[in-house]
Amino acid sequence: LNNNGYDAGPADGVMGAKTQAAIKAFQAANGMEADGEVDDELVKALLQ
């Protein structure tokens, strides 16, 4: 997320508010339901 312009905060392995906000922003920008949850669809999109 950080490498692609979404500010997830430090890559510390903690699912905090900043990380959830970055996930929601990424999901919204990529046509997914912006729920802030880590699921298979999110992981596949990030891996691409």
All heavy atoms as atom14 arrays in JSON, in Angstrom:
{
  "sequence": "LNNNGYDAGPADGVMGAKTQAAIKAFQAANGMEADGEVDDELVKALLQ",
  "atom14_mask": [
    [1, 1, 1, 1, 1, 1, 1, 1, 0, 0, 0, 0, 0, 0],
    [1, 1, 1, 1, 1, 1, 1, 1, 0, 0, 0, 0, 0, 0],
    [1, 1, 1, 1, 1, 1, 1, 1, 0, 0, 0, 0, 0, 0],
    [1, 1, 1, 1, 1, 1, 1, 1, 0, 0, 0, 0, 0, 0],
    [1, 1, 1, 1, 0, 0, 0, 0, 0, 0, 0, 0, 0, 0],
    [1, 1, 1, 1, 1, 1, 1, 1, 1, 1, 1, 1, 0, 0],
    [1, 1, 1, 1, 1, 1, 1, 1, 0, 0, 0, 0, 0, 0],
    [1, 1, 1, 1, 1, 0, 0, 0, 0, 0, 0, 0, 0, 0],
    [1, 1, 1, 1, 0, 0, 0, 0, 0, 0, 0, 0, 0, 0],
    [1, 1, 1, 1, 1, 1, 1, 0, 0, 0, 0, 0, 0, 0],
    [1, 1, 1, 1, 1, 0, 0, 0, 0, 0, 0, 0, 0, 0],
    [1, 1, 1, 1, 1, 1, 1, 1, 0, 0, 0, 0, 0, 0],
    [1, 1, 1, 1, 0, 0, 0, 0, 0, 0, 0, 0, 0, 0],
    [1, 1, 1, 1, 1, 1, 1, 0, 0, 0, 0, 0, 0, 0],
    [1, 1, 1, 1, 1, 1, 1, 1, 0, 0, 0, 0, 0, 0],
    [1, 1, 1, 1, 0, 0, 0, 0, 0, 0, 0, 0, 0, 0],
    [1, 1, 1, 1, 1, 0, 0, 0, 0, 0, 0, 0, 0, 0],
    [1, 1, 1, 1, 1, 1, 1, 1, 1, 0, 0, 0, 0, 0],
    [1, 1, 1, 1, 1, 1, 1, 0, 0, 0, 0, 0, 0, 0],
    [1, 1, 1, 1, 1, 1, 1, 1, 1, 0, 0, 0, 0, 0],
    [1, 1, 1, 1, 1, 0, 0, 0, 0, 0, 0, 0, 0, 0],
    [1, 1, 1, 1, 1, 0, 0, 0, 0, 0, 0, 0, 0, 0],
    [1, 1, 1, 1, 1, 1, 1, 1, 0, 0, 0, 0, 0, 0],
    [1, 1, 1, 1, 1, 1, 1, 1, 1, 0, 0, 0, 0, 0],
    [1, 1, 1, 1, 1, 0, 0, 0, 0, 0, 0, 0, 0, 0],
    [1, 1, 1, 1, 1, 1, 1, 1, 1, 1, 1, 0, 0, 0],
    [1, 1, 1, 1, 1, 1, 1, 1, 1, 0, 0, 0, 0, 0],
    [1, 1, 1, 1, 1, 0, 0, 0, 0, 0, 0, 0, 0, 0],
    [1, 1, 1, 1, 1, 0, 0, 0, 0, 0, 0, 0, 0, 0],
    [1, 1, 1, 1, 1, 1, 1, 1, 0, 0, 0, 0, 0, 0],
    [1, 1, 1, 1, 0, 0, 0, 0, 0, 0, 0, 0, 0, 0],
    [1, 1, 1, 1, 1, 1, 1, 1, 0, 0, 0, 0, 0, 0],
    [1, 1, 1, 1, 1, 1, 1, 1, 1, 0, 0, 0, 0, 0],
    [1, 1, 1, 1, 1, 0, 0, 0, 0, 0, 0, 0, 0, 0],
    [1, 1, 1, 1, 1, 1, 1, 1, 0, 0, 0, 0, 0, 0],
    [1, 1, 1, 1, 0, 0, 0, 0, 0, 0, 0, 0, 0, 0],
    [1, 1, 1, 1, 1, 1, 1, 1, 1, 0, 0, 0, 0, 0],
    [1, 1, 1, 1, 1, 1, 1, 0, 0, 0, 0, 0, 0, 0],
    [1, 1, 1, 1, 1, 1, 1, 1, 0, 0, 0, 0, 0, 0],
    [1, 1, 1, 1, 1, 1, 1, 1, 0, 0, 0, 0, 0, 0],
    [1, 1, 1, 1, 1, 1, 1, 1, 1, 0, 0, 0, 0, 0],
    [1, 1, 1, 1, 1, 1, 1, 1, 0, 0, 0, 0, 0, 0],
    [1, 1, 1, 1, 1, 1, 1, 0, 0, 0, 0, 0, 0, 0],
    [1, 1, 1, 1, 1, 1, 1, 1, 1, 0, 0, 0, 0, 0],
    [1, 1, 1, 1, 1, 0, 0, 0, 0, 0, 0, 0, 0, 0],
    [1, 1, 1, 1, 1, 1, 1, 1, 0, 0, 0, 0, 0, 0],
    [1, 1, 1, 1, 1, 1, 1, 1, 0, 0, 0, 0, 0, 0],
    [1, 1, 1, 1, 1, 1, 1, 1, 1, 0, 0, 0, 0, 0]
  ],
  "atom14_positions": [
    [[0.84, -1.21, 0.0], [0.0, 0.0, 0.0], [0.87, 1.25, 0.0], [0.65, 2.17, -0.79], [-0.94, -0.01, 1.21], [-2.11, -0.98, 1.15], [-2.75, -1.12, 2.52], [-3.14, -0.54, 0.13], [0.0, 0.0, 0.0], [0.0, 0.0, 0.0], [0.0, 0.0, 0.0], [0.0, 0.0, 0.0], [0.0, 0.0, 0.0], [0.0, 0.0, 0.0]],
    [[1.86, 1.3, 0.87], [2.75, 2.47, 0.96], [3.47, 2.7, -0.36], [3.6, 3.85, -0.81], [3.75, 2.3, 2.1], [3.13, 2.52, 3.47], [2.18, 3.26, 3.62], [3.67, 1.86, 4.47], [0.0, 0.0, 0.0], [0.0, 0.0, 0.0], [0.0, 0.0, 0.0], [0.0, 0.0, 0.0], [0.0, 0.0, 0.0], [0.0, 0.0, 0.0]],
    [[3.94, 1.63, -1.0], [4.68, 1.75, -2.26], [3.8, 2.22, -3.41], [4.31, 2.65, -4.45], [5.32, 0.4, -2.64], [6.48, 0.05, -1.74], [7.07, 0.91, -1.09], [6.8, -1.22, -1.68], [0.0, 0.0, 0.0], [0.0, 0.0, 0.0], [0.0, 0.0, 0.0], [0.0, 0.0, 0.0], [0.0, 0.0, 0.0], [0.0, 0.0, 0.0]],
    [[2.48, 2.14, -3.23], [1.56, 2.53, -4.29], [0.75, 3.77, -3.94], [-0.31, 4.01, -4.51], [0.65, 1.34, -4.64], [1.4, 0.28, -5.42], [1.56, 0.39, -6.62], [1.91, -0.72, -4.73], [0.0, 0.0, 0.0], [0.0, 0.0, 0.0], [0.0, 0.0, 0.0], [0.0, 0.0, 0.0], [0.0, 0.0, 0.0], [0.0, 0.0, 0.0]],
    [[1.25, 4.55, -2.98], [0.67, 5.85, -2.7], [-0.46, 5.85, -1.68], [-1.12, 6.87, -1.5], [0.0, 0.0, 0.0], [0.0, 0.0, 0.0], [0.0, 0.0, 0.0], [0.0, 0.0, 0.0], [0.0, 0.0, 0.0], [0.0, 0.0, 0.0], [0.0, 0.0, 0.0], [0.0, 0.0, 0.0], [0.0, 0.0, 0.0], [0.0, 0.0, 0.0]],
    [[-0.67, 4.72, -1.0], [-1.69, 4.66, 0.06], [-0.95, 4.66, 1.39], [-0.17, 3.76, 1.66], [-2.54, 3.4, -0.08], [-3.31, 3.35, -1.38], [-2.79, 2.74, -2.5], [-4.57, 3.94, -1.48], [-3.49, 2.71, -3.7], [-5.27, 3.91, -2.67], [-4.73, 3.3, -3.78], [-5.42, 3.28, -4.95], [0.0, 0.0, 0.0], [0.0, 0.0, 0.0]],
    [[-1.18, 5.68, 2.21], [-0.45, 5.83, 3.47], [-0.99, 4.88, 4.52], [-1.97, 5.19, 5.21], [-0.52, 7.28, 3.95], [0.28, 7.5, 5.22], [1.01, 6.58, 5.65], [0.18, 8.6, 5.79], [0.0, 0.0, 0.0], [0.0, 0.0, 0.0], [0.0, 0.0, 0.0], [0.0, 0.0, 0.0], [0.0, 0.0, 0.0], [0.0, 0.0, 0.0]],
    [[-0.33, 3.74, 4.66], [-0.75, 2.74, 5.65], [0.05, 2.89, 6.94], [-0.09, 2.07, 7.84], [-0.55, 1.33, 5.08], [0.0, 0.0, 0.0], [0.0, 0.0, 0.0], [0.0, 0.0, 0.0], [0.0, 0.0, 0.0], [0.0, 0.0, 0.0], [0.0, 0.0, 0.0], [0.0, 0.0, 0.0], [0.0, 0.0, 0.0], [0.0, 0.0, 0.0]],
    [[0.88, 3.94, 7.01], [1.72, 4.09, 8.19], [2.91, 3.14, 8.11], [3.14, 2.51, 7.08], [0.0, 0.0, 0.0], [0.0, 0.0, 0.0], [0.0, 0.0, 0.0], [0.0, 0.0, 0.0], [0.0, 0.0, 0.0], [0.0, 0.0, 0.0], [0.0, 0.0, 0.0], [0.0, 0.0, 0.0], [0.0, 0.0, 0.0], [0.0, 0.0, 0.0]],
    [[3.65, 3.01, 9.2], [4.82, 2.13, 9.16], [4.43, 0.68, 8.94], [3.38, 0.24, 9.43], [5.46, 2.32, 10.54], [4.39, 2.87, 11.41], [3.45, 3.63, 10.5], [0.0, 0.0, 0.0], [0.0, 0.0, 0.0], [0.0, 0.0, 0.0], [0.0, 0.0, 0.0], [0.0, 0.0, 0.0], [0.0, 0.0, 0.0], [0.0, 0.0, 0.0]],
    [[5.25, -0.06, 8.2], [4.98, -1.48, 7.95], [5.4, -2.28, 9.18], [6.47, -2.88, 9.22], [5.71, -1.95, 6.69], [0.0, 0.0, 0.0], [0.0, 0.0, 0.0], [0.0, 0.0, 0.0], [0.0, 0.0, 0.0], [0.0, 0.0, 0.0], [0.0, 0.0, 0.0], [0.0, 0.0, 0.0], [0.0, 0.0, 0.0], [0.0, 0.0, 0.0]],
    [[4.52, -2.23, 10.2], [4.86, -2.81, 11.5], [4.05, -4.06, 11.82], [4.2, -4.65, 12.89], [4.66, -1.78, 12.61], [3.24, -1.21, 12.64], [2.36, -1.7, 11.9], [3.01, -0.26, 13.42], [0.0, 0.0, 0.0], [0.0, 0.0, 0.0], [0.0, 0.0, 0.0], [0.0, 0.0, 0.0], [0.0, 0.0, 0.0], [0.0, 0.0, 0.0]],
    [[3.19, -4.48, 10.9], [2.42, -5.69, 11.11], [1.21, -5.51, 12.0], [0.53, -6.47, 12.34], [0.0, 0.0, 0.0], [0.0, 0.0, 0.0], [0.0, 0.0, 0.0], [0.0, 0.0, 0.0], [0.0, 0.0, 0.0], [0.0, 0.0, 0.0], [0.0, 0.0, 0.0], [0.0, 0.0, 0.0], [0.0, 0.0, 0.0], [0.0, 0.0, 0.0]],
    [[0.92, -4.25, 12.39], [-0.22, -3.96, 13.26], [-1.35, -3.37, 12.42], [-1.14, -2.39, 11.71], [0.18, -2.99, 14.39], [-1.03, -2.64, 15.25], [1.29, -3.58, 15.25], [0.0, 0.0, 0.0], [0.0, 0.0, 0.0], [0.0, 0.0, 0.0], [0.0, 0.0, 0.0], [0.0, 0.0, 0.0], [0.0, 0.0, 0.0], [0.0, 0.0, 0.0]],
    [[-2.54, -3.96, 12.51], [-3.69, -3.49, 11.75], [-4.34, -2.33, 12.5], [-5.3, -2.5, 13.24], [-4.68, -4.65, 11.56], [-5.9, -4.27, 10.74], [-5.54, -3.82, 9.05], [-5.41, -5.42, 8.31], [0.0, 0.0, 0.0], [0.0, 0.0, 0.0], [0.0, 0.0, 0.0], [0.0, 0.0, 0.0], [0.0, 0.0, 0.0], [0.0, 0.0, 0.0]],
    [[-3.77, -1.14, 12.31], [-4.29, 0.04, 12.99], [-5.22, 0.84, 12.09], [-5.55, 0.43, 10.98], [0.0, 0.0, 0.0], [0.0, 0.0, 0.0], [0.0, 0.0, 0.0], [0.0, 0.0, 0.0], [0.0, 0.0, 0.0], [0.0, 0.0, 0.0], [0.0, 0.0, 0.0], [0.0, 0.0, 0.0], [0.0, 0.0, 0.0], [0.0, 0.0, 0.0]],
    [[-5.64, 1.99, 12.6], [-6.6, 2.83, 11.88], [-6.04, 3.3, 10.54], [-6.77, 3.36, 9.54], [-6.99, 4.03, 12.74], [0.0, 0.0, 0.0], [0.0, 0.0, 0.0], [0.0, 0.0, 0.0], [0.0, 0.0, 0.0], [0.0, 0.0, 0.0], [0.0, 0.0, 0.0], [0.0, 0.0, 0.0], [0.0, 0.0, 0.0], [0.0, 0.0, 0.0]],
    [[-4.74, 3.64, 10.5], [-4.14, 4.13, 9.26], [-4.12, 3.03, 8.2], [-4.38, 3.27, 7.02], [-2.71, 4.6, 9.53], [-2.49, 6.05, 9.21], [-1.07, 6.47, 9.44], [-0.9, 7.83, 8.78], [0.36, 8.45, 9.07], [0.0, 0.0, 0.0], [0.0, 0.0, 0.0], [0.0, 0.0, 0.0], [0.0, 0.0, 0.0], [0.0, 0.0, 0.0]],
    [[-3.8, 1.82, 8.64], [-3.77, 0.7, 7.7], [-5.17, 0.42, 7.17], [-5.36, 0.23, 5.96], [-3.19, -0.55, 8.38], [-1.86, -0.25, 8.84], [-3.13, -1.74, 7.42], [0.0, 0.0, 0.0], [0.0, 0.0, 0.0], [0.0, 0.0, 0.0], [0.0, 0.0, 0.0], [0.0, 0.0, 0.0], [0.0, 0.0, 0.0], [0.0, 0.0, 0.0]],
    [[-6.16, 0.42, 8.05], [-7.54, 0.17, 7.6], [-8.0, 1.26, 6.65], [-8.67, 0.97, 5.65], [-8.47, 0.07, 8.79], [-8.47, -1.33, 9.38], [-9.68, -1.58, 10.26], [-9.98, -0.79, 11.14], [-10.36, -2.67, 10.01], [0.0, 0.0, 0.0], [0.0, 0.0, 0.0], [0.0, 0.0, 0.0], [0.0, 0.0, 0.0], [0.0, 0.0, 0.0]],
    [[-7.64, 2.51, 6.93], [-8.03, 3.62, 6.04], [-7.38, 3.45, 4.67], [-8.02, 3.69, 3.64], [-7.65, 4.96, 6.66], [0.0, 0.0, 0.0], [0.0, 0.0, 0.0], [0.0, 0.0, 0.0], [0.0, 0.0, 0.0], [0.0, 0.0, 0.0], [0.0, 0.0, 0.0], [0.0, 0.0, 0.0], [0.0, 0.0, 0.0], [0.0, 0.0, 0.0]],
    [[-6.12, 3.02, 4.65], [-5.42, 2.81, 3.38], [-6.06, 1.66, 2.6], [-6.22, 1.74, 1.38], [-3.94, 2.54, 3.63], [0.0, 0.0, 0.0], [0.0, 0.0, 0.0], [0.0, 0.0, 0.0], [0.0, 0.0, 0.0], [0.0, 0.0, 0.0], [0.0, 0.0, 0.0], [0.0, 0.0, 0.0], [0.0, 0.0, 0.0], [0.0, 0.0, 0.0]],
    [[-6.44, 0.59, 3.32], [-7.1, -0.54, 2.67], [-8.43, -0.09, 2.07], [-8.75, -0.4, 0.92], [-7.31, -1.7, 3.67], [-5.95, -2.35, 3.99], [-8.28, -2.74, 3.1], [-6.02, -3.36, 5.13], [0.0, 0.0, 0.0], [0.0, 0.0, 0.0], [0.0, 0.0, 0.0], [0.0, 0.0, 0.0], [0.0, 0.0, 0.0], [0.0, 0.0, 0.0]],
    [[-9.2, 0.69, 2.83], [-10.5, 1.19, 2.33], [-10.3, 2.05, 1.09], [-11.05, 1.94, 0.11], [-11.23, 1.97, 3.42], [-11.81, 1.09, 4.5], [-12.52, 1.93, 5.56], [-13.0, 1.05, 6.7], [-13.62, 1.83, 7.78], [0.0, 0.0, 0.0], [0.0, 0.0, 0.0], [0.0, 0.0, 0.0], [0.0, 0.0, 0.0], [0.0, 0.0, 0.0]],
    [[-9.3, 2.93, 1.11], [-9.03, 3.8, -0.04], [-8.65, 2.96, -1.26], [-9.11, 3.22, -2.37], [-7.93, 4.8, 0.3], [0.0, 0.0, 0.0], [0.0, 0.0, 0.0], [0.0, 0.0, 0.0], [0.0, 0.0, 0.0], [0.0, 0.0, 0.0], [0.0, 0.0, 0.0], [0.0, 0.0, 0.0], [0.0, 0.0, 0.0], [0.0, 0.0, 0.0]],
    [[-7.8, 1.96, -1.04], [-7.4, 1.08, -2.13], [-8.6, 0.32, -2.68], [-8.78, 0.23, -3.9], [-6.32, 0.09, -1.66], [-5.94, -0.9, -2.72], [-4.99, -0.56, -3.68], [-6.51, -2.15, -2.77], [-4.65, -1.47, -4.68], [-6.18, -3.06, -3.76], [-5.24, -2.72, -4.71], [0.0, 0.0, 0.0], [0.0, 0.0, 0.0], [0.0, 0.0, 0.0]],
    [[-9.42, -0.21, -1.78], [-10.6, -0.96, -2.21], [-11.53, -0.07, -3.03], [-12.01, -0.48, -4.1], [-11.34, -1.53, -1.0], [-10.61, -2.67, -0.32], [-11.22, -3.07, 1.0], [-11.69, -2.22, 1.76], [-11.21, -4.36, 1.31], [0.0, 0.0, 0.0], [0.0, 0.0, 0.0], [0.0, 0.0, 0.0], [0.0, 0.0, 0.0], [0.0, 0.0, 0.0]],
    [[-11.78, 1.14, -2.55], [-12.69, 2.06, -3.25], [-12.14, 2.4, -4.63], [-12.89, 2.46, -5.61], [-12.89, 3.33, -2.42], [0.0, 0.0, 0.0], [0.0, 0.0, 0.0], [0.0, 0.0, 0.0], [0.0, 0.0, 0.0], [0.0, 0.0, 0.0], [0.0, 0.0, 0.0], [0.0, 0.0, 0.0], [0.0, 0.0, 0.0], [0.0, 0.0, 0.0]],
    [[-10.83, 2.62, -4.73], [-10.2, 3.0, -5.99], [-10.17, 1.84, -6.99], [-9.99, 2.06, -8.18], [-8.78, 3.5, -5.74], [0.0, 0.0, 0.0], [0.0, 0.0, 0.0], [0.0, 0.0, 0.0], [0.0, 0.0, 0.0], [0.0, 0.0, 0.0], [0.0, 0.0, 0.0], [0.0, 0.0, 0.0], [0.0, 0.0, 0.0], [0.0, 0.0, 0.0]],
    [[-10.38, 0.63, -6.5], [-10.27, -0.55, -7.36], [-11.59, -1.31, -7.48], [-11.6, -2.49, -7.81], [-9.15, -1.46, -6.84], [-7.79, -0.86, -7.11], [-7.26, -0.99, -8.2], [-7.25, -0.17, -6.13], [0.0, 0.0, 0.0], [0.0, 0.0, 0.0], [0.0, 0.0, 0.0], [0.0, 0.0, 0.0], [0.0, 0.0, 0.0], [0.0, 0.0, 0.0]],
    [[-12.7, -0.61, -7.21], [-14.01, -1.18, -7.46], [-14.43, -2.28, -6.51], [-15.3, -3.09, -6.84], [0.0, 0.0, 0.0], [0.0, 0.0, 0.0], [0.0, 0.0, 0.0], [0.0, 0.0, 0.0], [0.0, 0.0, 0.0], [0.0, 0.0, 0.0], [0.0, 0.0, 0.0], [0.0, 0.0, 0.0], [0.0, 0.0, 0.0], [0.0, 0.0, 0.0]],
    [[-13.81, -2.33, -5.35], [-14.19, -3.34, -4.36], [-15.05, -2.69, -3.29], [-15.1, -1.46, -3.18], [-12.94, -3.9, -3.68], [-11.97, -4.58, -4.59], [-10.52, -5.1, -3.65], [-9.24, -4.8, -4.85], [0.0, 0.0, 0.0], [0.0, 0.0, 0.0], [0.0, 0.0, 0.0], [0.0, 0.0, 0.0], [0.0, 0.0, 0.0], [0.0, 0.0, 0.0]],
    [[-15.71, -3.52, -2.5], [-16.44, -3.0, -1.35], [-15.41, -2.48, -0.35], [-14.51, -3.21, 0.08], [-17.27, -4.11, -0.7], [-18.07, -3.61, 0.49], [-18.81, -4.73, 1.23], [-18.91, -5.84, 0.69], [-19.27, -4.47, 2.34], [0.0, 0.0, 0.0], [0.0, 0.0, 0.0], [0.0, 0.0, 0.0], [0.0, 0.0, 0.0], [0.0, 0.0, 0.0]],
    [[-15.51, -1.18, -0.01], [-14.51, -0.55, 0.87], [-14.85, -0.81, 2.33], [-15.39, 0.04, 3.03], [-14.44, 0.95, 0.58], [0.0, 0.0, 0.0], [0.0, 0.0, 0.0], [0.0, 0.0, 0.0], [0.0, 0.0, 0.0], [0.0, 0.0, 0.0], [0.0, 0.0, 0.0], [0.0, 0.0, 0.0], [0.0, 0.0, 0.0], [0.0, 0.0, 0.0]],
    [[-14.54, -2.03, 2.77], [-14.88, -2.42, 4.14], [-13.64, -2.48, 5.05], [-13.76, -2.7, 6.25], [-15.6, -3.76, 4.15], [-14.8, -4.89, 3.51], [-13.61, -4.69, 3.2], [-15.37, -5.98, 3.33], [0.0, 0.0, 0.0], [0.0, 0.0, 0.0], [0.0, 0.0, 0.0], [0.0, 0.0, 0.0], [0.0, 0.0, 0.0], [0.0, 0.0, 0.0]],
    [[-12.45, -2.28, 4.47], [-11.24, -2.3, 5.28], [-10.81, -3.68, 5.72], [-9.86, -3.82, 6.48], [0.0, 0.0, 0.0], [0.0, 0.0, 0.0], [0.0, 0.0, 0.0], [0.0, 0.0, 0.0], [0.0, 0.0, 0.0], [0.0, 0.0, 0.0], [0.0, 0.0, 0.0], [0.0, 0.0, 0.0], [0.0, 0.0, 0.0], [0.0, 0.0, 0.0]],
    [[-11.49, -4.71, 5.2], [-11.16, -6.08, 5.58], [-10.14, -6.68, 4.62], [-10.14, -6.4, 3.43], [-12.42, -6.95, 5.56], [-13.49, -6.52, 6.55], [-13.04, -6.66, 8.0], [-12.49, -7.7, 8.35], [-13.26, -5.7, 8.76], [0.0, 0.0, 0.0], [0.0, 0.0, 0.0], [0.0, 0.0, 0.0], [0.0, 0.0, 0.0], [0.0, 0.0, 0.0]],
    [[-9.26, -7.51, 5.16], [-8.31, -8.24, 4.32], [-8.98, -9.54, 3.88], [-9.34, -10.37, 4.71], [-7.02, -8.55, 5.11], [-6.07, -9.4, 4.28], [-6.34, -7.26, 5.54], [0.0, 0.0, 0.0], [0.0, 0.0, 0.0], [0.0, 0.0, 0.0], [0.0, 0.0, 0.0], [0.0, 0.0, 0.0], [0.0, 0.0, 0.0], [0.0, 0.0, 0.0]],
    [[-9.19, -9.66, 2.58], [-9.78, -10.88, 2.04], [-9.01, -11.3, 0.79], [-8.06, -10.62, 0.39], [-11.27, -10.68, 1.75], [-11.54, -9.54, 0.79], [-10.62, -9.11, 0.06], [-12.69, -9.07, 0.74], [0.0, 0.0, 0.0], [0.0, 0.0, 0.0], [0.0, 0.0, 0.0], [0.0, 0.0, 0.0], [0.0, 0.0, 0.0], [0.0, 0.0, 0.0]],
    [[-9.41, -12.41, 0.18], [-8.69, -12.93, -0.98], [-8.65, -11.92, -2.12], [-7.63, -11.77, -2.79], [-9.34, -14.23, -1.48], [-9.06, -15.4, -0.54], [-8.15, -15.3, 0.31], [-9.75, -16.42, -0.66], [0.0, 0.0, 0.0], [0.0, 0.0, 0.0], [0.0, 0.0, 0.0], [0.0, 0.0, 0.0], [0.0, 0.0, 0.0], [0.0, 0.0, 0.0]],
    [[-9.76, -11.23, -2.35], [-9.83, -10.25, -3.45], [-8.8, -9.14, -3.24], [-8.08, -8.77, -4.17], [-11.24, -9.67, -3.53], [-11.43, -8.69, -4.68], [-12.81, -8.05, -4.72], [-13.51, -8.04, -3.67], [-13.19, -7.55, -5.78], [0.0, 0.0, 0.0], [0.0, 0.0, 0.0], [0.0, 0.0, 0.0], [0.0, 0.0, 0.0], [0.0, 0.0, 0.0]],
    [[-8.71, -8.64, -2.01], [-7.74, -7.58, -1.69], [-6.32, -8.08, -1.9], [-5.51, -7.42, -2.56], [-7.92, -7.1, -0.24], [-6.85, -6.11, 0.23], [-7.07, -4.75, -0.4], [-6.85, -6.01, 1.74], [0.0, 0.0, 0.0], [0.0, 0.0, 0.0], [0.0, 0.0, 0.0], [0.0, 0.0, 0.0], [0.0, 0.0, 0.0], [0.0, 0.0, 0.0]],
    [[-6.02, -9.25, -1.36], [-4.66, -9.79, -1.45], [-4.26, -10.0, -2.9], [-3.16, -9.63, -3.31], [-4.54, -11.1, -0.63], [-3.2, -11.78, -0.87], [-4.72, -10.81, 0.86], [0.0, 0.0, 0.0], [0.0, 0.0, 0.0], [0.0, 0.0, 0.0], [0.0, 0.0, 0.0], [0.0, 0.0, 0.0], [0.0, 0.0, 0.0], [0.0, 0.0, 0.0]],
    [[-5.16, -10.56, -3.72], [-4.86, -10.78, -5.13], [-4.58, -9.46, -5.85], [-3.64, -9.36, -6.64], [-6.0, -11.52, -5.82], [-6.03, -12.99, -5.5], [-7.21, -13.68, -6.17], [-7.35, -15.11, -5.67], [-8.66, -15.68, -5.93], [0.0, 0.0, 0.0], [0.0, 0.0, 0.0], [0.0, 0.0, 0.0], [0.0, 0.0, 0.0], [0.0, 0.0, 0.0]],
    [[-5.4, -8.44, -5.58], [-5.21, -7.14, -6.22], [-3.89, -6.51, -5.81], [-3.18, -5.94, -6.63], [-6.38, -6.22, -5.88], [0.0, 0.0, 0.0], [0.0, 0.0, 0.0], [0.0, 0.0, 0.0], [0.0, 0.0, 0.0], [0.0, 0.0, 0.0], [0.0, 0.0, 0.0], [0.0, 0.0, 0.0], [0.0, 0.0, 0.0], [0.0, 0.0, 0.0]],
    [[-3.54, -6.62, -4.52], [-2.27, -6.07, -4.06], [-1.08, -6.82, -4.64], [-0.08, -6.19, -5.03], [-2.21, -6.11, -2.52], [-3.13, -5.14, -1.79], [-3.13, -5.43, -0.29], [-2.72, -3.69, -2.03], [0.0, 0.0, 0.0], [0.0, 0.0, 0.0], [0.0, 0.0, 0.0], [0.0, 0.0, 0.0], [0.0, 0.0, 0.0], [0.0, 0.0, 0.0]],
    [[-1.19, -8.12, -4.74], [-0.08, -8.91, -5.29], [0.16, -8.56, -6.75], [1.3, -8.6, -7.22], [-0.34, -10.41, -5.12], [-0.24, -10.93, -3.7], [-0.64, -12.4, -3.63], [1.15, -10.72, -3.11], [0.0, 0.0, 0.0], [0.0, 0.0, 0.0], [0.0, 0.0, 0.0], [0.0, 0.0, 0.0], [0.0, 0.0, 0.0], [0.0, 0.0, 0.0]],
    [[-0.89, -8.2, -7.48], [-0.72, -7.79, -8.88], [0.07, -6.49, -8.99], [0.75, -6.26, -9.98], [-2.08, -7.63, -9.56], [-2.75, -8.97, -9.83], [-4.12, -8.82, -10.46], [-4.74, -7.78, -10.38], [-4.59, -9.9, -11.08], [0.0, 0.0, 0.0], [0.0, 0.0, 0.0], [0.0, 0.0, 0.0], [0.0, 0.0, 0.0], [0.0, 0.0, 0.0]]
  ]
}
